[in-house]
Amino acid sequence: MTALQRTMRAVVTTGRGGYEQLVYREAPMPQPVAGEVLLQVLAAGVNNTDINTRVGWYSEAGGWNAPTPFPLIQGTDCCGRVVAVGGDERALEQRVPGQRVLVRPCMGKAWMGVDFDGAFAQFVKVPAAHVFPVHCDWSDAELGSIPCAYGTAENLLQRARLQRGERVLVTGASGGVGSAAVQLAKRRGAFVTALAAPEKSARLLAIGADRVLSRDANLVASLGEECMDLVVDNVAGPAFPALLQLLKRGGRYVSAGAIGGPQVALDMRTFYLKDLTLIGCTNWVEPVFPDLIGYIERGEIRPLLAKTFALEQIAAAQREFLDKRHVGKIVLIPPP
């Protein structure tokens, strides 16, 4: 491996708290060891995970995997270009310098940007096994919108075993995971009902939703009871009881988030009398990321890029992300 520069620009999260904890500054250059790859970060998406980690939301529920190792370079999404490999380069033939790649952020029980330094920087080092070459004509920013949101959505659908012809309801459908779930469910041949603000309906119909309802709608009155095979819900909150009413006997409910509120009311009679299955998803099953790369390269999904910001504008990007007026993903672009 050739000698590397000693420092880079990065956003360092100095501790738990508000935007004042996001400090754009010089940081040590990562030094890859055997089995690791050094990437130049080309684009890094903004996710709820980044914000929840910074404000301590996971800690209130008993933690993620362990206490967050502040100071930390966050950033769960990464589209990058291989700069160097650690150790024996012959063992890493598919990760050659210059290759454009995506990084699988879920690495067993550890997550990039949560448990170790991530992609809100000019460079990041990652285990080679989680670096996936990708060949397509998408822009760097479009690829940077994919890993966390689309990986989470694909994991939800794989874990729930969504089948062709089934009817699925997706809450929070205009967000990163929600819009990905709409596309990925439609790709499987499901009938997709999306919940979102009315002004976002046209965008969701364009990416595959068969029907869009207002997120404030009375769902049982609008759709009727026992009309869905699967509910994909990252919102939770007060709407949770109605979502279980929508499920058919033997239906499945799957979730990887709770942006509408983590505390819900569960009538156990609805749960057991309808033979429902409730599935919680954090760690990804192995096929998720290789499958996503295949979908991209075969043109079976498309990115939904809402806006880009320069890396040093991270606070503005996260504020806009939390406003929830966008459809799709907000992506940060580091300096070259």
C-alpha atoms as a PDB file:
ATOM      1  CA  MET A   1       0.000   0.000   0.000  1.00  0.00           C
ATOM      2  CA  THR A   2       1.349   3.426  -0.903  1.00  0.00           C
ATOM      3  CA  ALA A   3       1.819   6.178   1.688  1.00  0.00           C
ATOM      4  CA  LEU A   4      -1.355   8.150   2.422  1.00  0.00           C
ATOM      5  CA  GLN A   5      -1.940  11.746   3.420  1.00  0.00           C
ATOM      6  CA  ARG A   6      -2.161  12.309   7.163  1.00  0.00           C
ATOM      7  CA  THR A   7      -5.432  14.246   7.537  1.00  0.00           C
ATOM      8  CA  MET A   8      -8.809  14.779   5.871  1.00  0.00           C
ATOM      9  CA  ARG A   9     -11.917  16.917   6.333  1.00  0.00           C
ATOM     10  CA  ALA A  10     -14.754  15.317   8.265  1.00  0.00           C
ATOM     11  CA  VAL A  11     -17.837  16.043  10.336  1.00  0.00           C
ATOM     12  CA  VAL A  12     -17.024  14.830  13.835  1.00  0.00           C
ATOM     13  CA  THR A  13     -19.929  14.299  16.226  1.00  0.00           C
ATOM     14  CA  THR A  14     -18.372  15.250  19.538  1.00  0.00           C
ATOM     15  CA  GLY A  15     -21.109  13.933  21.826  1.00  0.00           C
ATOM     16  CA  ARG A  16     -24.815  13.497  22.352  1.00  0.00           C
ATOM     17  CA  GLY A  17     -26.911  16.590  21.741  1.00  0.00           C
ATOM     18  CA  GLY A  18     -27.972  19.119  19.114  1.00  0.00           C
ATOM     19  CA  TYR A  19     -26.462  20.440  15.913  1.00  0.00           C
ATOM     20  CA  GLU A  20     -23.677  22.106  17.893  1.00  0.00           C
ATOM     21  CA  GLN A  21     -22.166  18.630  18.295  1.00  0.00           C
ATOM     22  CA  LEU A  22     -21.525  18.410  14.524  1.00  0.00           C
ATOM     23  CA  VAL A  23     -18.047  19.881  14.029  1.00  0.00           C
ATOM     24  CA  TYR A  24     -16.553  20.147  10.524  1.00  0.00           C
ATOM     25  CA  ARG A  25     -12.797  19.905  11.007  1.00  0.00           C
ATOM     26  CA  GLU A  26      -9.532  18.155  10.209  1.00  0.00           C
ATOM     27  CA  ALA A  27      -9.438  14.521  11.296  1.00  0.00           C
ATOM     28  CA  PRO A  28      -6.818  11.764  11.044  1.00  0.00           C
ATOM     29  CA  MET A  29      -6.729   9.899   7.748  1.00  0.00           C
ATOM     30  CA  PRO A  30      -7.968   6.300   8.173  1.00  0.00           C
ATOM     31  CA  GLN A  31      -5.192   3.739   7.713  1.00  0.00           C
ATOM     32  CA  PRO A  32      -6.493   0.408   6.358  1.00  0.00           C
ATOM     33  CA  VAL A  33      -4.992  -2.826   7.669  1.00  0.00           C
ATOM     34  CA  ALA A  34      -5.179  -6.301   6.161  1.00  0.00           C
ATOM     35  CA  GLY A  35      -8.723  -7.082   5.065  1.00  0.00           C
ATOM     36  CA  GLU A  36      -9.777  -3.444   4.903  1.00  0.00           C
ATOM     37  CA  VAL A  37     -10.357  -1.029   2.011  1.00  0.00           C
ATOM     38  CA  LEU A  38      -9.853   2.730   2.031  1.00  0.00           C
ATOM     39  CA  LEU A  39     -12.502   4.641   0.089  1.00  0.00           C
ATOM     40  CA  GLN A  40     -12.782   8.203  -1.088  1.00  0.00           C
ATOM     41  CA  VAL A  41     -16.340   9.116  -0.131  1.00  0.00           C
ATOM     42  CA  LEU A  42     -18.207  10.392  -3.187  1.00  0.00           C
ATOM     43  CA  ALA A  43     -21.655  10.744  -1.582  1.00  0.00           C
ATOM     44  CA  ALA A  44     -23.239   9.993   1.798  1.00  0.00           C
ATOM     45  CA  GLY A  45     -26.976   9.914   2.452  1.00  0.00           C
ATOM     46  CA  VAL A  46     -28.734  11.408   5.486  1.00  0.00           C
ATOM     47  CA  ASN A  47     -30.748   8.965   7.607  1.00  0.00           C
ATOM     48  CA  ASN A  48     -32.830   8.892  10.774  1.00  0.00           C
ATOM     49  CA  THR A  49     -30.158   6.606  12.220  1.00  0.00           C
ATOM     50  CA  ASP A  50     -27.574   9.419  12.134  1.00  0.00           C
ATOM     51  CA  ILE A  51     -29.866  11.823  13.983  1.00  0.00           C
ATOM     52  CA  ASN A  52     -31.205   9.254  16.452  1.00  0.00           C
ATOM     53  CA  THR A  53     -27.666   8.262  17.414  1.00  0.00           C
ATOM     54  CA  ARG A  54     -26.611  11.872  17.954  1.00  0.00           C
ATOM     55  CA  VAL A  55     -29.605  12.804  20.135  1.00  0.00           C
ATOM     56  CA  GLY A  56     -29.506   9.569  22.140  1.00  0.00           C
ATOM     57  CA  TRP A  57     -32.886   8.244  20.971  1.00  0.00           C
ATOM     58  CA  TYR A  58     -31.671   4.630  20.908  1.00  0.00           C
ATOM     59  CA  SER A  59     -30.163   4.925  24.376  1.00  0.00           C
ATOM     60  CA  GLU A  60     -33.595   5.724  25.795  1.00  0.00           C
ATOM     61  CA  ALA A  61     -34.707   2.281  24.629  1.00  0.00           C
ATOM     62  CA  GLY A  62     -31.747   0.483  26.166  1.00  0.00           C
ATOM     63  CA  GLY A  63     -29.079   1.257  23.576  1.00  0.00           C
ATOM     64  CA  TRP A  64     -28.148   0.112  20.089  1.00  0.00           C
ATOM     65  CA  ASN A  65     -25.328  -2.397  20.512  1.00  0.00           C
ATOM     66  CA  ALA A  66     -23.184  -0.498  23.016  1.00  0.00           C
ATOM     67  CA  PRO A  67     -22.662   3.102  24.149  1.00  0.00           C
ATOM     68  CA  THR A  68     -21.901   5.309  21.138  1.00  0.00           C
ATOM     69  CA  PRO A  69     -18.122   5.820  20.869  1.00  0.00           C
ATOM     70  CA  PHE A  70     -18.038   9.632  20.751  1.00  0.00           C
ATOM     71  CA  PRO A  71     -16.239  11.477  19.233  1.00  0.00           C
ATOM     72  CA  LEU A  72     -17.493   9.700  16.131  1.00  0.00           C
ATOM     73  CA  ILE A  73     -17.615  10.329  12.394  1.00  0.00           C
ATOM     74  CA  GLN A  74     -21.184   9.366  11.569  1.00  0.00           C
ATOM     75  CA  GLY A  75     -22.596   8.521   8.141  1.00  0.00           C
ATOM     76  CA  THR A  76     -24.311   5.216   7.439  1.00  0.00           C
ATOM     77  CA  ASP A  77     -24.576   5.569   3.640  1.00  0.00           C
ATOM     78  CA  CYS A  78     -21.544   5.509   1.385  1.00  0.00           C
ATOM     79  CA  CYS A  79     -20.926   5.592  -2.330  1.00  0.00           C
ATOM     80  CA  GLY A  80     -17.158   5.631  -2.697  1.00  0.00           C
ATOM     81  CA  ARG A  81     -14.166   4.965  -4.871  1.00  0.00           C
ATOM     82  CA  VAL A  82     -11.433   2.534  -3.863  1.00  0.00           C
ATOM     83  CA  VAL A  83      -8.200   4.374  -3.030  1.00  0.00           C
ATOM     84  CA  ALA A  84      -6.120   1.666  -1.392  1.00  0.00           C
ATOM     85  CA  VAL A  85      -6.359  -1.758   0.228  1.00  0.00           C
ATOM     86  CA  GLY A  86      -4.634  -2.982   3.328  1.00  0.00           C
ATOM     87  CA  GLY A  87      -2.408  -6.033   3.363  1.00  0.00           C
ATOM     88  CA  ASP A  88      -2.186  -8.369   0.368  1.00  0.00           C
ATOM     89  CA  GLU A  89      -3.824  -6.623  -2.593  1.00  0.00           C
ATOM     90  CA  ARG A  90      -4.040  -9.898  -4.515  1.00  0.00           C
ATOM     91  CA  ALA A  91      -6.699 -11.083  -2.065  1.00  0.00           C
ATOM     92  CA  LEU A  92      -8.906  -8.137  -3.008  1.00  0.00           C
ATOM     93  CA  GLU A  93      -9.087  -8.406  -6.777  1.00  0.00           C
ATOM     94  CA  GLN A  94     -12.696  -7.163  -6.931  1.00  0.00           C
ATOM     95  CA  ARG A  95     -11.848  -4.032  -4.916  1.00  0.00           C
ATOM     96  CA  VAL A  96      -9.192  -2.493  -7.132  1.00  0.00           C
ATOM     97  CA  PRO A  97      -8.178   1.175  -6.880  1.00  0.00           C
ATOM     98  CA  GLY A  98     -10.502   3.355  -8.944  1.00  0.00           C
ATOM     99  CA  GLN A  99     -13.485   1.008  -8.643  1.00  0.00           C
ATOM    100  CA  ARG A 100     -16.784   2.701  -7.691  1.00  0.00           C
ATOM    101  CA  VAL A 101     -18.502   0.847  -4.867  1.00  0.00           C
ATOM    102  CA  LEU A 102     -21.335   0.825  -2.359  1.00  0.00           C
ATOM    103  CA  VAL A 103     -20.773  -0.116   1.271  1.00  0.00           C
ATOM    104  CA  ARG A 104     -23.096  -2.445   3.150  1.00  0.00           C
ATOM    105  CA  PRO A 105     -23.621  -0.468   6.384  1.00  0.00           C
ATOM    106  CA  CYS A 106     -25.025  -3.384   8.402  1.00  0.00           C
ATOM    107  CA  MET A 107     -22.001  -5.552   9.197  1.00  0.00           C
ATOM    108  CA  GLY A 108     -23.380  -8.327  11.369  1.00  0.00           C
ATOM    109  CA  LYS A 109     -24.340  -6.646  14.637  1.00  0.00           C
ATOM    110  CA  ALA A 110     -22.187  -3.579  13.955  1.00  0.00           C
ATOM    111  CA  TRP A 111     -23.282  -0.555  11.901  1.00  0.00           C
ATOM    112  CA  MET A 112     -21.029   1.871  10.083  1.00  0.00           C
ATOM    113  CA  GLY A 113     -21.401   5.394  11.448  1.00  0.00           C
ATOM    114  CA  VAL A 114     -22.918   4.081  14.678  1.00  0.00           C
ATOM    115  CA  ASP A 115     -20.414   1.617  16.109  1.00  0.00           C
ATOM    116  CA  PHE A 116     -17.358   2.881  14.212  1.00  0.00           C
ATOM    117  CA  ASP A 117     -16.435   5.817  11.972  1.00  0.00           C
ATOM    118  CA  GLY A 118     -18.573   6.283   8.886  1.00  0.00           C
ATOM    119  CA  ALA A 119     -18.924   8.287   5.704  1.00  0.00           C
ATOM    120  CA  PHE A 120     -19.394  11.934   6.764  1.00  0.00           C
ATOM    121  CA  ALA A 121     -15.814  12.534   5.686  1.00  0.00           C
ATOM    122  CA  GLN A 122     -13.557  12.656   2.649  1.00  0.00           C
ATOM    123  CA  PHE A 123     -12.366   9.092   3.304  1.00  0.00           C
ATOM    124  CA  VAL A 124     -13.526   6.032   5.210  1.00  0.00           C
ATOM    125  CA  LYS A 125     -12.036   2.588   5.806  1.00  0.00           C
ATOM    126  CA  VAL A 126     -14.288  -0.479   5.858  1.00  0.00           C
ATOM    127  CA  PRO A 127     -13.920  -4.261   5.911  1.00  0.00           C
ATOM    128  CA  ALA A 128     -13.442  -5.498   2.357  1.00  0.00           C
ATOM    129  CA  ALA A 129     -16.236  -8.070   2.681  1.00  0.00           C
ATOM    130  CA  HIS A 130     -18.770  -5.225   2.914  1.00  0.00           C
ATOM    131  CA  VAL A 131     -17.581  -3.342  -0.185  1.00  0.00           C
ATOM    132  CA  PHE A 132     -19.590  -4.080  -3.350  1.00  0.00           C
ATOM    133  CA  PRO A 133     -18.516  -2.918  -6.820  1.00  0.00           C
ATOM    134  CA  VAL A 134     -21.424  -1.466  -8.767  1.00  0.00           C
ATOM    135  CA  HIS A 135     -21.629  -0.914 -12.530  1.00  0.00           C
ATOM    136  CA  CYS A 136     -24.333   1.496 -13.683  1.00  0.00           C
ATOM    137  CA  ASP A 137     -24.807   4.995 -15.073  1.00  0.00           C
ATOM    138  CA  TRP A 138     -26.259   6.470 -11.876  1.00  0.00           C
ATOM    139  CA  SER A 139     -24.621   9.556 -10.416  1.00  0.00           C
ATOM    140  CA  ASP A 140     -22.593   9.337  -7.208  1.00  0.00           C
ATOM    141  CA  ALA A 141     -25.371  11.145  -5.318  1.00  0.00           C
ATOM    142  CA  GLU A 142     -27.990   8.718  -6.624  1.00  0.00           C
ATOM    143  CA  LEU A 143     -25.923   5.746  -5.503  1.00  0.00           C
ATOM    144  CA  GLY A 144     -25.319   7.448  -2.158  1.00  0.00           C
ATOM    145  CA  SER A 145     -29.072   7.446  -1.549  1.00  0.00           C
ATOM    146  CA  ILE A 146     -29.284   3.650  -1.616  1.00  0.00           C
ATOM    147  CA  PRO A 147     -27.506   1.686   1.144  1.00  0.00           C
ATOM    148  CA  CYS A 148     -29.351   2.311   4.410  1.00  0.00           C
ATOM    149  CA  ALA A 149     -32.850   3.115   3.120  1.00  0.00           C
ATOM    150  CA  TYR A 150     -33.054   0.528   0.355  1.00  0.00           C
ATOM    151  CA  GLY A 151     -31.198  -2.069   2.408  1.00  0.00           C
ATOM    152  CA  THR A 152     -33.608  -1.577   5.305  1.00  0.00           C
ATOM    153  CA  ALA A 153     -36.630  -1.771   2.983  1.00  0.00           C
ATOM    154  CA  GLU A 154     -35.342  -4.875   1.199  1.00  0.00           C
ATOM    155  CA  ASN A 155     -34.644  -6.514   4.557  1.00  0.00           C
ATOM    156  CA  LEU A 156     -38.185  -5.746   5.714  1.00  0.00           C
ATOM    157  CA  LEU A 157     -39.676  -7.376   2.627  1.00  0.00           C
ATOM    158  CA  GLN A 158     -37.355 -10.377   2.672  1.00  0.00           C
ATOM    159  CA  ARG A 159     -37.996 -11.001   6.365  1.00  0.00           C
ATOM    160  CA  ALA A 160     -41.760 -10.644   5.808  1.00  0.00           C
ATOM    161  CA  ARG A 161     -41.614 -12.909   2.715  1.00  0.00           C
ATOM    162  CA  LEU A 162     -43.775 -10.663   0.544  1.00  0.00           C
ATOM    163  CA  GLN A 163     -45.209 -12.603  -2.402  1.00  0.00           C
ATOM    164  CA  ARG A 164     -46.522 -11.674  -5.845  1.00  0.00           C
ATOM    165  CA  GLY A 165     -50.186 -10.659  -5.728  1.00  0.00           C
ATOM    166  CA  GLU A 166     -50.242  -9.807  -2.031  1.00  0.00           C
ATOM    167  CA  ARG A 167     -51.609  -6.502  -0.785  1.00  0.00           C
ATOM    168  CA  VAL A 168     -49.193  -4.353   1.199  1.00  0.00           C
ATOM    169  CA  LEU A 169     -49.596  -1.042   3.033  1.00  0.00           C
ATOM    170  CA  VAL A 170     -46.508   1.185   3.390  1.00  0.00           C
ATOM    171  CA  THR A 171     -46.590   3.975   5.976  1.00  0.00           C
ATOM    172  CA  GLY A 172     -44.268   6.982   5.748  1.00  0.00           C
ATOM    173  CA  ALA A 173     -44.090   6.220   2.043  1.00  0.00           C
ATOM    174  CA  SER A 174     -42.435   9.482   0.973  1.00  0.00           C
ATOM    175  CA  GLY A 175     -39.366   8.974   3.161  1.00  0.00           C
ATOM    176  CA  GLY A 176     -36.208   7.116   2.228  1.00  0.00           C
ATOM    177  CA  VAL A 177     -37.208   3.687   3.539  1.00  0.00           C
ATOM    178  CA  GLY A 178     -40.861   4.147   2.616  1.00  0.00           C
ATOM    179  CA  SER A 179     -40.258   5.153  -0.994  1.00  0.00           C
ATOM    180  CA  ALA A 180     -37.759   2.288  -1.319  1.00  0.00           C
ATOM    181  CA  ALA A 181     -40.328  -0.142   0.094  1.00  0.00           C
ATOM    182  CA  VAL A 182     -42.904   1.047  -2.451  1.00  0.00           C
ATOM    183  CA  GLN A 183     -40.517   0.326  -5.336  1.00  0.00           C
ATOM    184  CA  LEU A 184     -39.265  -2.966  -3.949  1.00  0.00           C
ATOM    185  CA  ALA A 185     -42.769  -4.238  -3.152  1.00  0.00           C
ATOM    186  CA  LYS A 186     -43.983  -3.308  -6.637  1.00  0.00           C
ATOM    187  CA  ARG A 187     -40.948  -5.065  -8.104  1.00  0.00           C
ATOM    188  CA  ARG A 188     -42.240  -8.234  -6.412  1.00  0.00           C
ATOM    189  CA  GLY A 189     -45.658  -7.864  -8.021  1.00  0.00           C
ATOM    190  CA  ALA A 190     -47.554  -6.737  -4.916  1.00  0.00           C
ATOM    191  CA  PHE A 191     -50.501  -4.322  -4.868  1.00  0.00           C
ATOM    192  CA  VAL A 192     -49.085  -1.331  -2.986  1.00  0.00           C
ATOM    193  CA  THR A 193     -51.048   1.191  -0.929  1.00  0.00           C
ATOM    194  CA  ALA A 194     -48.890   4.100   0.248  1.00  0.00           C
ATOM    195  CA  LEU A 195     -49.559   6.568   3.071  1.00  0.00           C
ATOM    196  CA  ALA A 196     -48.140  10.069   2.663  1.00  0.00           C
ATOM    197  CA  ALA A 197     -49.045  13.750   2.606  1.00  0.00           C
ATOM    198  CA  PRO A 198     -51.461  14.459  -0.283  1.00  0.00           C
ATOM    199  CA  GLU A 199     -49.030  16.752  -2.095  1.00  0.00           C
ATOM    200  CA  LYS A 200     -46.608  13.826  -2.471  1.00  0.00           C
ATOM    201  CA  SER A 201     -49.098  11.461  -4.110  1.00  0.00           C
ATOM    202  CA  ALA A 202     -48.001  12.034  -7.706  1.00  0.00           C
ATOM    203  CA  ARG A 203     -44.366  11.149  -6.933  1.00  0.00           C
ATOM    204  CA  LEU A 204     -45.385   7.923  -5.219  1.00  0.00           C
ATOM    205  CA  LEU A 205     -47.713   6.872  -8.019  1.00  0.00           C
ATOM    206  CA  ALA A 206     -44.851   7.492 -10.454  1.00  0.00           C
ATOM    207  CA  ILE A 207     -42.558   5.052  -8.625  1.00  0.00           C
ATOM    208  CA  GLY A 208     -45.099   2.249  -8.430  1.00  0.00           C
ATOM    209  CA  ALA A 209     -47.735   2.847  -5.760  1.00  0.00           C
ATOM    210  CA  ASP A 210     -51.140   1.580  -6.901  1.00  0.00           C
ATOM    211  CA  ARG A 211     -52.990   3.808  -4.461  1.00  0.00           C
ATOM    212  CA  VAL A 212     -51.990   6.685  -2.174  1.00  0.00           C
ATOM    213  CA  LEU A 213     -53.944   7.732   0.909  1.00  0.00           C
ATOM    214  CA  SER A 214     -53.385  10.693   3.177  1.00  0.00           C
ATOM    215  CA  ARG A 215     -51.355   9.799   6.227  1.00  0.00           C
ATOM    216  CA  ASP A 216     -54.168  11.397   8.274  1.00  0.00           C
ATOM    217  CA  ALA A 217     -56.925   9.282   6.716  1.00  0.00           C
ATOM    218  CA  ASN A 218     -59.216   7.036   8.744  1.00  0.00           C
ATOM    219  CA  LEU A 219     -57.694   3.859   7.388  1.00  0.00           C
ATOM    220  CA  VAL A 220     -60.329   1.402   8.547  1.00  0.00           C
ATOM    221  CA  ALA A 221     -63.126   3.573   7.159  1.00  0.00           C
ATOM    222  CA  SER A 222     -61.253   4.097   3.871  1.00  0.00           C
ATOM    223  CA  LEU A 223     -60.025   0.552   3.286  1.00  0.00           C
ATOM    224  CA  GLY A 224     -62.096  -1.733   5.475  1.00  0.00           C
ATOM    225  CA  GLU A 225     -60.890  -4.275   7.996  1.00  0.00           C
ATOM    226  CA  GLU A 226     -58.804  -7.325   7.060  1.00  0.00           C
ATOM    227  CA  CYS A 227     -57.766  -6.044   3.628  1.00  0.00           C
ATOM    228  CA  MET A 228     -53.948  -6.281   3.829  1.00  0.00           C
ATOM    229  CA  ASP A 229     -51.564  -9.214   3.801  1.00  0.00           C
ATOM    230  CA  LEU A 230     -48.651  -7.098   5.028  1.00  0.00           C
ATOM    231  CA  VAL A 231     -48.111  -3.744   6.718  1.00  0.00           C
ATOM    232  CA  VAL A 232     -44.648  -2.160   6.387  1.00  0.00           C
ATOM    233  CA  ASP A 233     -44.565   0.441   9.141  1.00  0.00           C
ATOM    234  CA  ASN A 234     -41.704   2.674  10.249  1.00  0.00           C
ATOM    235  CA  VAL A 235     -44.051   5.251  11.776  1.00  0.00           C
ATOM    236  CA  ALA A 236     -45.827   3.470  14.673  1.00  0.00           C
ATOM    237  CA  GLY A 237     -47.315   5.978  17.151  1.00  0.00           C
ATOM    238  CA  PRO A 238     -51.092   6.463  17.505  1.00  0.00           C
ATOM    239  CA  ALA A 239     -51.955   4.796  14.164  1.00  0.00           C
ATOM    240  CA  PHE A 240     -50.639   1.394  15.266  1.00  0.00           C
ATOM    241  CA  PRO A 241     -53.962  -0.171  16.407  1.00  0.00           C
ATOM    242  CA  ALA A 242     -55.666   0.644  13.097  1.00  0.00           C
ATOM    243  CA  LEU A 243     -52.806  -0.943  11.152  1.00  0.00           C
ATOM    244  CA  LEU A 244     -53.422  -4.275  12.892  1.00  0.00           C
ATOM    245  CA  GLN A 245     -57.133  -3.978  12.134  1.00  0.00           C
ATOM    246  CA  LEU A 246     -56.266  -3.744   8.422  1.00  0.00           C
ATOM    247  CA  LEU A 247     -54.410  -7.065   8.447  1.00  0.00           C
ATOM    248  CA  LYS A 248     -56.095 -10.230   7.282  1.00  0.00           C
ATOM    249  CA  ARG A 249     -56.118 -13.303   9.488  1.00  0.00           C
ATOM    250  CA  GLY A 250     -52.562 -14.623   9.388  1.00  0.00           C
ATOM    251  CA  GLY A 251     -51.229 -11.254   8.209  1.00  0.00           C
ATOM    252  CA  ARG A 252     -47.787  -9.849   8.947  1.00  0.00           C
ATOM    253  CA  TYR A 253     -46.628  -6.552  10.396  1.00  0.00           C
ATOM    254  CA  VAL A 254     -42.982  -5.586   9.927  1.00  0.00           C
ATOM    255  CA  SER A 255     -41.083  -2.581  11.284  1.00  0.00           C
ATOM    256  CA  ALA A 256     -37.603  -1.079  11.535  1.00  0.00           C
ATOM    257  CA  GLY A 257     -38.499   2.311  13.002  1.00  0.00           C
ATOM    258  CA  ALA A 258     -40.914   4.444  14.984  1.00  0.00           C
ATOM    259  CA  ILE A 259     -40.704   8.040  13.757  1.00  0.00           C
ATOM    260  CA  GLY A 260     -44.304   8.720  14.839  1.00  0.00           C
ATOM    261  CA  GLY A 261     -43.645   7.596  18.402  1.00  0.00           C
ATOM    262  CA  PRO A 262     -42.163   4.430  19.928  1.00  0.00           C
ATOM    263  CA  GLN A 263     -44.957   3.788  22.452  1.00  0.00           C
ATOM    264  CA  VAL A 264     -48.041   2.124  20.943  1.00  0.00           C
ATOM    265  CA  ALA A 265     -51.317   0.591  22.140  1.00  0.00           C
ATOM    266  CA  LEU A 266     -51.547  -3.136  21.423  1.00  0.00           C
ATOM    267  CA  ASP A 267     -54.783  -5.032  21.959  1.00  0.00           C
ATOM    268  CA  MET A 268     -53.517  -8.557  22.490  1.00  0.00           C
ATOM    269  CA  ARG A 269     -56.880  -9.952  21.369  1.00  0.00           C
ATOM    270  CA  THR A 270     -56.340  -8.503  17.891  1.00  0.00           C
ATOM    271  CA  PHE A 271     -52.858  -9.979  17.834  1.00  0.00           C
ATOM    272  CA  TYR A 272     -53.639 -13.543  18.850  1.00  0.00           C
ATOM    273  CA  LEU A 273     -57.197 -13.990  17.612  1.00  0.00           C
ATOM    274  CA  LYS A 274     -56.116 -13.015  14.077  1.00  0.00           C
ATOM    275  CA  ASP A 275     -52.957 -15.160  14.196  1.00  0.00           C
ATOM    276  CA  LEU A 276     -50.807 -12.164  13.321  1.00  0.00           C
ATOM    277  CA  THR A 277     -47.014 -12.155  13.019  1.00  0.00           C
ATOM    278  CA  LEU A 278     -45.123  -9.073  14.234  1.00  0.00           C
ATOM    279  CA  ILE A 279     -41.570  -8.837  12.877  1.00  0.00           C
ATOM    280  CA  GLY A 280     -38.896  -6.454  14.166  1.00  0.00           C
ATOM    281  CA  CYS A 281     -35.946  -5.826  11.860  1.00  0.00           C
ATOM    282  CA  THR A 282     -32.537  -4.321  12.539  1.00  0.00           C
ATOM    283  CA  ASN A 283     -29.784  -6.663  11.355  1.00  0.00           C
ATOM    284  CA  TRP A 284     -30.008  -7.623   7.681  1.00  0.00           C
ATOM    285  CA  VAL A 285     -30.219 -11.110   6.249  1.00  0.00           C
ATOM    286  CA  GLU A 286     -27.248 -11.949   4.036  1.00  0.00           C
ATOM    287  CA  PRO A 287     -28.896 -11.746   0.549  1.00  0.00           C
ATOM    288  CA  VAL A 288     -30.163  -8.179   1.029  1.00  0.00           C
ATOM    289  CA  PHE A 289     -27.207  -6.169  -0.257  1.00  0.00           C
ATOM    290  CA  PRO A 290     -26.067  -8.428  -3.106  1.00  0.00           C
ATOM    291  CA  ASP A 291     -29.688  -8.497  -4.284  1.00  0.00           C
ATOM    292  CA  LEU A 292     -29.856  -4.685  -4.215  1.00  0.00           C
ATOM    293  CA  ILE A 293     -26.722  -4.396  -6.338  1.00  0.00           C
ATOM    294  CA  GLY A 294     -28.352  -6.733  -8.863  1.00  0.00           C
ATOM    295  CA  TYR A 295     -31.552  -4.670  -8.960  1.00  0.00           C
ATOM    296  CA  ILE A 296     -29.505  -1.522  -9.652  1.00  0.00           C
ATOM    297  CA  GLU A 297     -27.394  -3.066 -12.387  1.00  0.00           C
ATOM    298  CA  ARG A 298     -30.452  -4.589 -14.107  1.00  0.00           C
ATOM    299  CA  GLY A 299     -32.404  -1.325 -13.933  1.00  0.00           C
ATOM    300  CA  GLU A 300     -35.161  -2.814 -11.755  1.00  0.00           C
ATOM    301  CA  ILE A 301     -35.226   0.091  -9.293  1.00  0.00           C
ATOM    302  CA  ARG A 302     -34.374   3.739  -9.607  1.00  0.00           C
ATOM    303  CA  PRO A 303     -33.076   6.321  -7.150  1.00  0.00           C
ATOM    304  CA  LEU A 304     -35.278   8.993  -5.645  1.00  0.00           C
ATOM    305  CA  LEU A 305     -32.862  11.829  -4.924  1.00  0.00           C
ATOM    306  CA  ALA A 306     -34.526  14.795  -3.243  1.00  0.00           C
ATOM    307  CA  LYS A 307     -31.595  17.195  -2.749  1.00  0.00           C
ATOM    308  CA  THR A 308     -27.845  17.377  -2.203  1.00  0.00           C
ATOM    309  CA  PHE A 309     -25.821  19.477   0.245  1.00  0.00           C
ATOM    310  CA  ALA A 310     -22.089  20.000   0.688  1.00  0.00           C
ATOM    311  CA  LEU A 311     -20.740  17.984   3.623  1.00  0.00           C
ATOM    312  CA  GLU A 312     -20.045  21.091   5.698  1.00  0.00           C
ATOM    313  CA  GLN A 313     -23.750  21.977   5.401  1.00  0.00           C
ATOM    314  CA  ILE A 314     -24.754  18.892   7.395  1.00  0.00           C
ATOM    315  CA  ALA A 315     -26.812  20.807   9.957  1.00  0.00           C
ATOM    316  CA  ALA A 316     -28.912  22.431   7.212  1.00  0.00           C
ATOM    317  CA  ALA A 317     -29.307  19.048   5.518  1.00  0.00           C
ATOM    318  CA  GLN A 318     -30.509  17.387   8.721  1.00  0.00           C
ATOM    319  CA  ARG A 319     -32.924  20.236   9.444  1.00  0.00           C
ATOM    320  CA  GLU A 320     -34.442  19.859   5.981  1.00  0.00           C
ATOM    321  CA  PHE A 321     -34.534  16.097   6.441  1.00  0.00           C
ATOM    322  CA  LEU A 322     -36.536  16.506   9.669  1.00  0.00           C
ATOM    323  CA  ASP A 323     -38.980  18.932   8.005  1.00  0.00           C
ATOM    324  CA  LYS A 324     -40.214  15.909   5.987  1.00  0.00           C
ATOM    325  CA  ARG A 325     -41.274  18.025   3.013  1.00  0.00           C
ATOM    326  CA  HIS A 326     -39.163  16.024   0.586  1.00  0.00           C
ATOM    327  CA  VAL A 327     -39.742  12.735  -1.230  1.00  0.00           C
ATOM    328  CA  GLY A 328     -36.814  10.311  -1.279  1.00  0.00           C
ATOM    329  CA  LYS A 329     -33.312  10.947   0.055  1.00  0.00           C
ATOM    330  CA  ILE A 330     -31.118  13.906   0.986  1.00  0.00           C
ATOM    331  CA  VAL A 331     -27.423  13.322   0.240  1.00  0.00           C
ATOM    332  CA  LEU A 332     -24.197  14.993   1.363  1.00  0.00           C
ATOM    333  CA  ILE A 333     -21.257  15.530  -1.009  1.00  0.00           C
ATOM    334  CA  PRO A 334     -17.759  15.736   0.582  1.00  0.00           C
ATOM    335  CA  PRO A 335     -15.047  17.929  -0.938  1.00  0.00           C
ATOM    336  CA  PRO A 336     -12.804  16.116  -3.451  1.00  0.00           C
END
